[in-house]
C-alpha atoms as a PDB file:
ATOM      1  CA  MET A   1     -20.947 -63.261 -18.056  1.00  0.00           C
ATOM      2  CA  ASP A   2     -18.682 -60.390 -18.688  1.00  0.00           C
ATOM      3  CA  ASP A   3     -21.930 -57.764 -18.777  1.00  0.00           C
ATOM      4  CA  LEU A   4     -22.475 -58.733 -15.205  1.00  0.00           C
ATOM      5  CA  ILE A   5     -18.834 -58.444 -14.071  1.00  0.00           C
ATOM      6  CA  LYS A   6     -18.907 -55.163 -16.251  1.00  0.00           C
ATOM      7  CA  SER A   7     -22.014 -53.828 -13.830  1.00  0.00           C
ATOM      8  CA  ILE A   8     -20.608 -55.118 -10.673  1.00  0.00           C
ATOM      9  CA  ILE A   9     -16.837 -53.070 -11.102  1.00  0.00           C
ATOM     10  CA  ALA A  10     -19.315 -49.719 -12.669  1.00  0.00           C
ATOM     11  CA  ALA A  11     -20.866 -50.202  -8.757  1.00  0.00           C
ATOM     12  CA  ILE A  12     -18.286 -50.366  -6.841  1.00  0.00           C
ATOM     13  CA  THR A  13     -16.013 -48.269  -8.776  1.00  0.00           C
ATOM     14  CA  GLY A  14     -18.579 -45.500  -8.809  1.00  0.00           C
ATOM     15  CA  GLY A  15     -19.447 -46.097  -5.203  1.00  0.00           C
ATOM     16  CA  VAL A  16     -15.656 -45.732  -4.169  1.00  0.00           C
ATOM     17  CA  LEU A  17     -15.703 -42.479  -6.399  1.00  0.00           C
ATOM     18  CA  TRP A  18     -19.075 -41.010  -4.988  1.00  0.00           C
ATOM     19  CA  GLU A  19     -17.617 -41.727  -1.416  1.00  0.00           C
ATOM     20  CA  GLY A  20     -14.430 -40.158  -1.885  1.00  0.00           C
ATOM     21  CA  PHE A  21     -16.017 -37.070  -3.419  1.00  0.00           C
ATOM     22  CA  LYS A  22     -18.384 -37.239  -0.234  1.00  0.00           C
ATOM     23  CA  PHE A  23     -15.081 -36.922   1.520  1.00  0.00           C
ATOM     24  CA  ILE A  24     -13.467 -34.188  -0.052  1.00  0.00           C
ATOM     25  CA  TYR A  25     -16.015 -32.410  -1.124  1.00  0.00           C
ATOM     26  CA  PRO A  26     -16.201 -30.059   2.335  1.00  0.00           C
ATOM     27  CA  GLU A  27     -12.438 -29.358   2.112  1.00  0.00           C
ATOM     28  CA  LEU A  28     -12.813 -28.585  -1.511  1.00  0.00           C
ATOM     29  CA  LYS A  29     -15.918 -25.908  -0.588  1.00  0.00           C
ATOM     30  CA  ARG A  30     -14.085 -24.680   2.173  1.00  0.00           C
ATOM     31  CA  PHE A  31     -11.006 -23.848   0.008  1.00  0.00           C
ATOM     32  CA  LEU A  32     -13.324 -22.415  -3.022  1.00  0.00           C
ATOM     33  CA  ASP A  33     -15.152 -20.208  -0.307  1.00  0.00           C
ATOM     34  CA  ASN A  34     -11.775 -19.044   1.140  1.00  0.00           C
ATOM     35  CA  TYR A  35     -10.539 -18.191  -1.927  1.00  0.00           C
ATOM     36  CA  TYR A  36     -13.704 -16.004  -3.242  1.00  0.00           C
ATOM     37  CA  LYS A  37     -13.652 -14.328  -0.493  1.00  0.00           C
ATOM     38  CA  ALA A  38      -9.488 -13.530  -0.511  1.00  0.00           C
ATOM     39  CA  LYS A  39     -10.394 -12.284  -3.758  1.00  0.00           C
ATOM     40  CA  LYS A  40     -13.121  -9.693  -2.772  1.00  0.00           C
ATOM     41  CA  ASN A  41     -10.851  -8.678   0.097  1.00  0.00           C
ATOM     42  CA  LEU A  42      -8.354  -7.662  -2.632  1.00  0.00           C
ATOM     43  CA  TYR A  43     -10.860  -6.044  -5.005  1.00  0.00           C
ATOM     44  CA  ASP A  44     -12.321  -4.252  -2.297  1.00  0.00           C
ATOM     45  CA  ASN A  45      -9.347  -2.200  -0.825  1.00  0.00           C
ATOM     46  CA  LEU A  46      -7.542  -2.275  -4.532  1.00  0.00           C
ATOM     47  CA  ASP A  47      -9.702   0.965  -5.333  1.00  0.00           C
ATOM     48  CA  PRO A  48      -9.184   3.478  -2.656  1.00  0.00           C
ATOM     49  CA  MET A  49      -5.670   1.571  -1.973  1.00  0.00           C
ATOM     50  CA  LEU A  50      -4.855   2.939  -5.284  1.00  0.00           C
ATOM     51  CA  LYS A  51      -6.586   6.218  -5.557  1.00  0.00           C
ATOM     52  CA  ALA A  52      -4.728   7.060  -2.111  1.00  0.00           C
ATOM     53  CA  SER A  53      -1.102   6.052  -3.636  1.00  0.00           C
ATOM     54  CA  ASP A  54      -1.937   8.227  -6.995  1.00  0.00           C
ATOM     55  CA  GLU A  55      -2.964  11.688  -4.974  1.00  0.00           C
ATOM     56  CA  LEU A  56       0.379  10.567  -2.588  1.00  0.00           C
ATOM     57  CA  PHE A  57       2.629   9.988  -5.473  1.00  0.00           C
ATOM     58  CA  GLY A  58       1.557  13.023  -7.510  1.00  0.00           C
ATOM     59  CA  LYS A  59       2.232  15.447  -4.407  1.00  0.00           C
ATOM     60  CA  ILE A  60       5.726  13.602  -3.996  1.00  0.00           C
ATOM     61  CA  ILE A  61       6.551  14.487  -7.721  1.00  0.00           C
ATOM     62  CA  SER A  62       5.853  17.871  -6.965  1.00  0.00           C
ATOM     63  CA  LEU A  63       7.980  17.694  -4.631  1.00  0.00           C
ATOM     64  CA  ALA A  64      10.576  16.396  -6.094  1.00  0.00           C
ATOM     65  CA  LYS A  65      10.495  18.794  -9.023  1.00  0.00           C
ATOM     66  CA  GLU A  66      10.456  21.981  -6.363  1.00  0.00           C
ATOM     67  CA  ASP A  67      13.419  19.977  -4.406  1.00  0.00           C
ATOM     68  CA  PHE A  68      11.241  20.155  -1.208  1.00  0.00           C
ATOM     69  CA  SER A  69      11.344  23.781  -0.907  1.00  0.00           C
ATOM     70  CA  THR A  70       7.796  24.167   0.600  1.00  0.00           C
ATOM     71  CA  PHE A  71       9.234  22.270   3.375  1.00  0.00           C
ATOM     72  CA  ILE A  72      12.950  23.750   3.630  1.00  0.00           C
ATOM     73  CA  ASN A  73      12.593  27.108   2.429  1.00  0.00           C
ATOM     74  CA  GLU A  74      12.343  29.640   5.276  1.00  0.00           C
ATOM     75  CA  ASN A  75      11.056  32.415   3.264  1.00  0.00           C
ATOM     76  CA  ASN A  76       8.031  30.106   3.105  1.00  0.00           C
ATOM     77  CA  SER A  77       7.726  29.631   6.599  1.00  0.00           C
ATOM     78  CA  ILE A  78       4.569  32.181   7.199  1.00  0.00           C
ATOM     79  CA  ALA A  79       2.737  32.044   3.635  1.00  0.00           C
ATOM     80  CA  SER A  80      -0.975  30.676   4.363  1.00  0.00           C
ATOM     81  CA  ASP A  81      -0.871  28.616   1.250  1.00  0.00           C
ATOM     82  CA  VAL A  82       2.470  27.019   2.117  1.00  0.00           C
ATOM     83  CA  SER A  83       1.150  26.330   5.308  1.00  0.00           C
ATOM     84  CA  GLN A  84      -1.708  24.799   4.346  1.00  0.00           C
ATOM     85  CA  ASN A  85       0.006  22.597   1.360  1.00  0.00           C
ATOM     86  CA  ARG A  86       2.175  21.535   4.049  1.00  0.00           C
ATOM     87  CA  LEU A  87      -0.782  20.069   5.880  1.00  0.00           C
ATOM     88  CA  TYR A  88      -1.914  18.383   2.874  1.00  0.00           C
ATOM     89  CA  VAL A  89       1.534  16.786   2.214  1.00  0.00           C
ATOM     90  CA  CYS A  90       1.302  15.150   5.806  1.00  0.00           C
ATOM     91  CA  TYR A  91      -2.521  14.305   5.288  1.00  0.00           C
ATOM     92  CA  LEU A  92      -1.676  12.627   2.068  1.00  0.00           C
ATOM     93  CA  PHE A  93       0.809  10.495   3.924  1.00  0.00           C
ATOM     94  CA  SER A  94      -1.478  10.095   6.360  1.00  0.00           C
ATOM     95  CA  GLN A  95      -4.129   8.714   4.333  1.00  0.00           C
ATOM     96  CA  PHE A  96      -1.735   6.302   2.532  1.00  0.00           C
ATOM     97  CA  TRP A  97      -0.851   4.364   6.123  1.00  0.00           C
ATOM     98  CA  ALA A  98      -4.234   4.435   6.889  1.00  0.00           C
ATOM     99  CA  GLN A  99      -5.238   2.364   4.169  1.00  0.00           C
ATOM    100  CA  ILE A 100      -2.789   0.020   5.102  1.00  0.00           C
ATOM    101  CA  GLU A 101      -3.826  -0.360   8.329  1.00  0.00           C
ATOM    102  CA  TYR A 102      -7.701  -0.327   6.702  1.00  0.00           C
ATOM    103  CA  ILE A 103      -6.514  -3.567   5.070  1.00  0.00           C
ATOM    104  CA  ARG A 104      -5.437  -4.588   8.525  1.00  0.00           C
ATOM    105  CA  MET A 105      -8.618  -4.487   9.714  1.00  0.00           C
ATOM    106  CA  SER A 106     -11.044  -5.371   6.945  1.00  0.00           C
ATOM    107  CA  SER A 107      -9.264  -8.301   5.865  1.00  0.00           C
ATOM    108  CA  GLN A 108      -7.753 -11.034   7.662  1.00  0.00           C
ATOM    109  CA  TYR A 109      -3.995 -11.189   5.868  1.00  0.00           C
ATOM    110  CA  TYR A 110      -4.074 -14.921   5.853  1.00  0.00           C
ATOM    111  CA  SER A 111      -6.655 -14.722   3.682  1.00  0.00           C
ATOM    112  CA  LEU A 112      -4.899 -12.351   0.984  1.00  0.00           C
ATOM    113  CA  ALA A 113      -1.624 -14.226   1.412  1.00  0.00           C
ATOM    114  CA  ARG A 114      -4.063 -17.145  -0.306  1.00  0.00           C
ATOM    115  CA  ILE A 115      -3.914 -15.615  -3.724  1.00  0.00           C
ATOM    116  CA  LYS A 116      -0.920 -14.228  -5.337  1.00  0.00           C
ATOM    117  CA  LYS A 117      -1.938 -10.652  -6.102  1.00  0.00           C
ATOM    118  CA  GLY A 118      -3.014 -10.406  -2.388  1.00  0.00           C
ATOM    119  CA  LYS A 119       0.493 -12.231  -1.643  1.00  0.00           C
ATOM    120  CA  GLN A 120       1.826  -9.283  -3.591  1.00  0.00           C
ATOM    121  CA  LEU A 121       0.261  -6.601  -1.623  1.00  0.00           C
ATOM    122  CA  LEU A 122       1.298  -7.830   1.585  1.00  0.00           C
ATOM    123  CA  ARG A 123       4.315  -7.712   0.337  1.00  0.00           C
ATOM    124  CA  PHE A 124       4.513  -3.811  -0.648  1.00  0.00           C
ATOM    125  CA  ILE A 125       2.805  -3.226   3.143  1.00  0.00           C
ATOM    126  CA  GLU A 126       5.907  -5.205   4.352  1.00  0.00           C
ATOM    127  CA  THR A 127       8.318  -3.000   2.387  1.00  0.00           C
ATOM    128  CA  TYR A 128       6.325   0.151   3.078  1.00  0.00           C
ATOM    129  CA  GLU A 129       7.234  -0.779   6.911  1.00  0.00           C
ATOM    130  CA  SER A 130      10.656  -2.460   6.248  1.00  0.00           C
ATOM    131  CA  ARG A 131      13.765  -0.815   8.268  1.00  0.00           C
ATOM    132  CA  GLU A 132      15.547   0.131   5.014  1.00  0.00           C
ATOM    133  CA  PHE A 133      12.523   2.005   2.787  1.00  0.00           C
ATOM    134  CA  ARG A 134      10.265   3.524   5.846  1.00  0.00           C
ATOM    135  CA  LEU A 135       9.917   6.931   6.541  1.00  0.00           C
ATOM    136  CA  LEU A 136       9.232   6.907   9.946  1.00  0.00           C
ATOM    137  CA  ASP A 137       8.960   4.159  12.762  1.00  0.00           C
ATOM    138  CA  ARG A 138       6.931   1.184  11.821  1.00  0.00           C
ATOM    139  CA  SER A 139       4.940   1.969  15.104  1.00  0.00           C
ATOM    140  CA  ILE A 140       4.628   5.073  14.310  1.00  0.00           C
ATOM    141  CA  GLN A 141       3.041   4.862  11.032  1.00  0.00           C
ATOM    142  CA  ARG A 142       1.041   2.275  12.037  1.00  0.00           C
ATOM    143  CA  ILE A 143      -0.112   4.819  14.984  1.00  0.00           C
ATOM    144  CA  ILE A 144      -1.075   7.530  12.381  1.00  0.00           C
ATOM    145  CA  GLY A 145      -2.797   4.919   9.821  1.00  0.00           C
ATOM    146  CA  GLU A 146      -5.079   4.045  13.143  1.00  0.00           C
ATOM    147  CA  THR A 147      -6.007   7.460  14.438  1.00  0.00           C
ATOM    148  CA  LEU A 148      -7.205   8.117  10.538  1.00  0.00           C
ATOM    149  CA  ILE A 149      -9.439   5.416  10.797  1.00  0.00           C
ATOM    150  CA  GLU A 150     -13.159   6.426  11.974  1.00  0.00           C
ATOM    151  CA  ASP A 151     -16.003   4.173  13.121  1.00  0.00           C
ATOM    152  CA  SER A 152     -18.914   5.878  11.071  1.00  0.00           C
ATOM    153  CA  GLY A 153     -21.842   3.540  12.849  1.00  0.00           C
ATOM    154  CA  GLY A 154     -20.433   0.156  12.817  1.00  0.00           C
ATOM    155  CA  THR A 155     -18.612   0.878   9.392  1.00  0.00           C
ATOM    156  CA  PHE A 156     -15.290   2.302   9.344  1.00  0.00           C
ATOM    157  CA  LYS A 157     -13.708   5.290   7.019  1.00  0.00           C
ATOM    158  CA  ILE A 158     -10.560   7.359   6.715  1.00  0.00           C
ATOM    159  CA  MET A 159     -10.910  10.743   8.171  1.00  0.00           C
ATOM    160  CA  SER A 160     -11.435  13.332   5.947  1.00  0.00           C
ATOM    161  CA  LEU A 161      -9.009  16.409   5.011  1.00  0.00           C
ATOM    162  CA  SER A 162     -11.416  19.087   6.742  1.00  0.00           C
ATOM    163  CA  THR A 163     -11.518  16.878  10.039  1.00  0.00           C
ATOM    164  CA  PHE A 164      -7.702  15.915   9.906  1.00  0.00           C
ATOM    165  CA  ALA A 165      -6.768  19.787   9.474  1.00  0.00           C
ATOM    166  CA  ASN A 166      -9.105  20.847  12.653  1.00  0.00           C
ATOM    167  CA  GLU A 167      -7.395  17.696  14.830  1.00  0.00           C
ATOM    168  CA  THR A 168      -4.217  18.887  13.804  1.00  0.00           C
ATOM    169  CA  GLN A 169      -5.184  22.370  15.076  1.00  0.00           C
ATOM    170  CA  LYS A 170      -5.838  20.974  18.550  1.00  0.00           C
ATOM    171  CA  LYS A 171      -3.247  21.444  21.032  1.00  0.00           C
ATOM    172  CA  ASP A 172      -4.183  18.271  23.096  1.00  0.00           C
ATOM    173  CA  SER A 173      -5.050  16.248  20.338  1.00  0.00           C
ATOM    174  CA  ASN A 174      -3.542  12.616  20.318  1.00  0.00           C
ATOM    175  CA  LEU A 175      -3.196  13.079  16.487  1.00  0.00           C
ATOM    176  CA  ASN A 176      -1.454  15.964  16.003  1.00  0.00           C
ATOM    177  CA  LYS A 177       1.647  14.940  18.415  1.00  0.00           C
ATOM    178  CA  TRP A 178       1.994  12.339  15.926  1.00  0.00           C
ATOM    179  CA  ILE A 179       1.809  14.065  12.734  1.00  0.00           C
ATOM    180  CA  LYS A 180       4.491  16.441  14.370  1.00  0.00           C
ATOM    181  CA  LEU A 181       7.021  13.305  13.891  1.00  0.00           C
ATOM    182  CA  LEU A 182       6.365  13.422  10.421  1.00  0.00           C
ATOM    183  CA  GLU A 183       6.321  17.390   9.791  1.00  0.00           C
ATOM    184  CA  ASP A 184       9.296  17.478  11.562  1.00  0.00           C
ATOM    185  CA  LYS A 185      10.726  14.625   9.138  1.00  0.00           C
ATOM    186  CA  LEU A 186       9.922  16.931   5.787  1.00  0.00           C
ATOM    187  CA  ASN A 187      11.189  19.707   7.572  1.00  0.00           C
ATOM    188  CA  SER A 188      14.632  18.190   7.694  1.00  0.00           C
ATOM    189  CA  SER A 189      14.593  17.214   3.944  1.00  0.00           C
ATOM    190  CA  SER A 190      17.226  20.190   3.236  1.00  0.00           C
ATOM    191  CA  ASP A 191      19.379  17.070   4.392  1.00  0.00           C
ATOM    192  CA  LYS A 192      20.067  14.952   1.179  1.00  0.00           C
ATOM    193  CA  VAL A 193      19.697  11.618   2.724  1.00  0.00           C
ATOM    194  CA  ILE A 194      16.409  12.474   4.060  1.00  0.00           C
ATOM    195  CA  ARG A 195      15.254  13.802   0.923  1.00  0.00           C
ATOM    196  CA  GLN A 196      16.110  10.602  -1.256  1.00  0.00           C
ATOM    197  CA  ARG A 197      14.465   8.363   1.411  1.00  0.00           C
ATOM    198  CA  PHE A 198      11.155   9.833   0.578  1.00  0.00           C
ATOM    199  CA  LEU A 199      12.032   9.895  -3.063  1.00  0.00           C
ATOM    200  CA  VAL A 200      13.014   6.399  -2.941  1.00  0.00           C
ATOM    201  CA  PHE A 201       9.655   5.786  -0.932  1.00  0.00           C
ATOM    202  CA  GLY A 202       7.619   7.364  -3.853  1.00  0.00           C
ATOM    203  CA  ILE A 203       9.349   5.171  -6.260  1.00  0.00           C
ATOM    204  CA  ILE A 204       7.307   1.845  -4.580  1.00  0.00           C
ATOM    205  CA  VAL A 205       4.180   3.929  -4.475  1.00  0.00           C
ATOM    206  CA  ALA A 206       4.747   3.965  -7.606  1.00  0.00           C
ATOM    207  CA  CYS A 207       5.503   0.431  -8.507  1.00  0.00           C
ATOM    208  CA  LEU A 208       2.083  -0.602  -6.744  1.00  0.00           C
ATOM    209  CA  ILE A 209      -0.145   1.816  -8.624  1.00  0.00           C
ATOM    210  CA  GLU A 210       1.217   0.343 -12.240  1.00  0.00           C
ATOM    211  CA  HIS A 211       1.533  -3.032 -10.834  1.00  0.00           C
ATOM    212  CA  TYR A 212      -1.766  -3.302  -9.816  1.00  0.00           C
ATOM    213  CA  ASP A 213      -3.492  -0.890 -12.436  1.00  0.00           C
ATOM    214  CA  PRO A 214      -0.885  -1.227 -15.635  1.00  0.00           C
ATOM    215  CA  LYS A 215      -3.274   0.441 -18.111  1.00  0.00           C
ATOM    216  CA  TYR A 216      -4.299   3.269 -15.674  1.00  0.00           C
ATOM    217  CA  LYS A 217      -8.437   2.744 -15.426  1.00  0.00           C
ATOM    218  CA  ILE A 218      -7.956   3.831 -11.842  1.00  0.00           C
ATOM    219  CA  VAL A 219      -5.703   6.300 -11.685  1.00  0.00           C
ATOM    220  CA  ARG A 220      -3.623   8.807 -14.093  1.00  0.00           C
ATOM    221  CA  LYS A 221      -0.529   8.066 -15.792  1.00  0.00           C
ATOM    222  CA  ARG A 222       2.319  10.060 -13.861  1.00  0.00           C
ATOM    223  CA  GLU A 223       6.000  10.693 -15.072  1.00  0.00           C
ATOM    224  CA  ILE A 224       8.852   9.270 -12.865  1.00  0.00           C
ATOM    225  CA  TYR A 225      11.347  12.017 -11.260  1.00  0.00           C
ATOM    226  CA  LEU A 226      14.595   9.593 -12.217  1.00  0.00           C
ATOM    227  CA  ASN A 227      16.687  12.774 -12.916  1.00  0.00           C
ATOM    228  CA  LYS A 228      15.892  13.618  -8.621  1.00  0.00           C
ATOM    229  CA  LEU A 229      17.600  10.387  -7.949  1.00  0.00           C
ATOM    230  CA  SER A 230      20.622   9.785  -6.522  1.00  0.00           C
ATOM    231  CA  GLU A 231      22.994   7.452  -7.757  1.00  0.00           C
ATOM    232  CA  LYS A 232      23.423   5.864  -4.449  1.00  0.00           C
ATOM    233  CA  SER A 233      19.103   5.936  -4.730  1.00  0.00           C
ATOM    234  CA  ASN A 234      19.454   4.379  -8.097  1.00  0.00           C
ATOM    235  CA  THR A 235      21.275   1.458  -6.809  1.00  0.00           C
ATOM    236  CA  LYS A 236      19.786   0.946  -3.226  1.00  0.00           C
ATOM    237  CA  ILE A 237      16.527   0.393  -5.652  1.00  0.00           C
ATOM    238  CA  GLN A 238      17.837  -1.780  -8.125  1.00  0.00           C
ATOM    239  CA  LYS A 239      19.859  -3.958  -6.076  1.00  0.00           C
ATOM    240  CA  SER A 240      17.937  -3.916  -2.930  1.00  0.00           C
ATOM    241  CA  LEU A 241      14.094  -3.607  -3.575  1.00  0.00           C
ATOM    242  CA  PHE A 242      14.113  -5.163  -7.179  1.00  0.00           C
ATOM    243  CA  THR A 243      15.728  -8.081  -5.606  1.00  0.00           C
ATOM    244  CA  GLU A 244      15.302  -8.594  -1.895  1.00  0.00           C
ATOM    245  CA  TYR A 245      11.370  -7.071  -1.838  1.00  0.00           C
ATOM    246  CA  LEU A 246       9.821  -6.579  -4.612  1.00  0.00           C
ATOM    247  CA  ASN A 247      11.179  -9.228  -7.237  1.00  0.00           C
ATOM    248  CA  PHE A 248       7.722  -9.595  -9.268  1.00  0.00           C
ATOM    249  CA  VAL A 249       7.817  -6.422 -10.224  1.00  0.00           C
ATOM    250  CA  LYS A 250       7.460  -6.276 -14.125  1.00  0.00           C
ATOM    251  CA  ASN A 251       9.345  -3.398 -16.204  1.00  0.00           C
ATOM    252  CA  LYS A 252      11.749  -2.735 -13.180  1.00  0.00           C
ATOM    253  CA  ASN A 253      14.329  -0.743 -15.488  1.00  0.00           C
ATOM    254  CA  LYS A 254      11.785   2.145 -15.745  1.00  0.00           C
ATOM    255  CA  TYR A 255      12.360   3.051 -12.364  1.00  0.00           C
ATOM    256  CA  PHE A 256      15.915   3.985 -11.780  1.00  0.00           C
ATOM    257  CA  LYS A 257      18.448   5.449 -14.203  1.00  0.00           C
ATOM    258  CA  GLN A 258      20.153   3.163 -16.532  1.00  0.00           C
END
């Protein structure tokens, strides 16, 4: 009799479990599919994003070392190599914003938000576009980024430097008028406030690089220009950046003077 009761209970319990599993399986499968899709979206975008960030941060380091003389030294204004360097600086900022826009186009934001590192990447993007840290108006940064994304047979790619150079030479180019706004901002870097804004922006770029490539497998390790940061910028990085925006970043102390 006991064996019969046990068999009946096992049958009922097994049936209930099976019915429950059939009920939750579609939702579980959907959850896992979305999770792996989010991970794929993240890692598909991270490599080009890190490379663009590395190039930009390297150039900001160079600008910091020379105190932005490329843009504020009038004696350099007619030198062809300086003119090319100015164009390259504008391209690197534009390419960086284009990578951000590419992420918007190629991956649904709600998808990235499903995983921790995806949420953190979105937080970085929000920081780059925030009123406190952006270089140009948010809409202008986005327009520049969008303009550098080209349709190549149904797939999208970031505009090359040579194409960028050609486009900015055209007087009727839509891109040219937007890049002029960035160039004007760089030309105003004799103003300490504007110069520091660029330097703080570079610190945020450095944070992204080291957050997603802490062992420098994709990009090279670079020294941070702490000696070029003003006291006000240090406070802004310490108190605002790492408390209100990027509180998940590790080793925060390396990004400002103690």
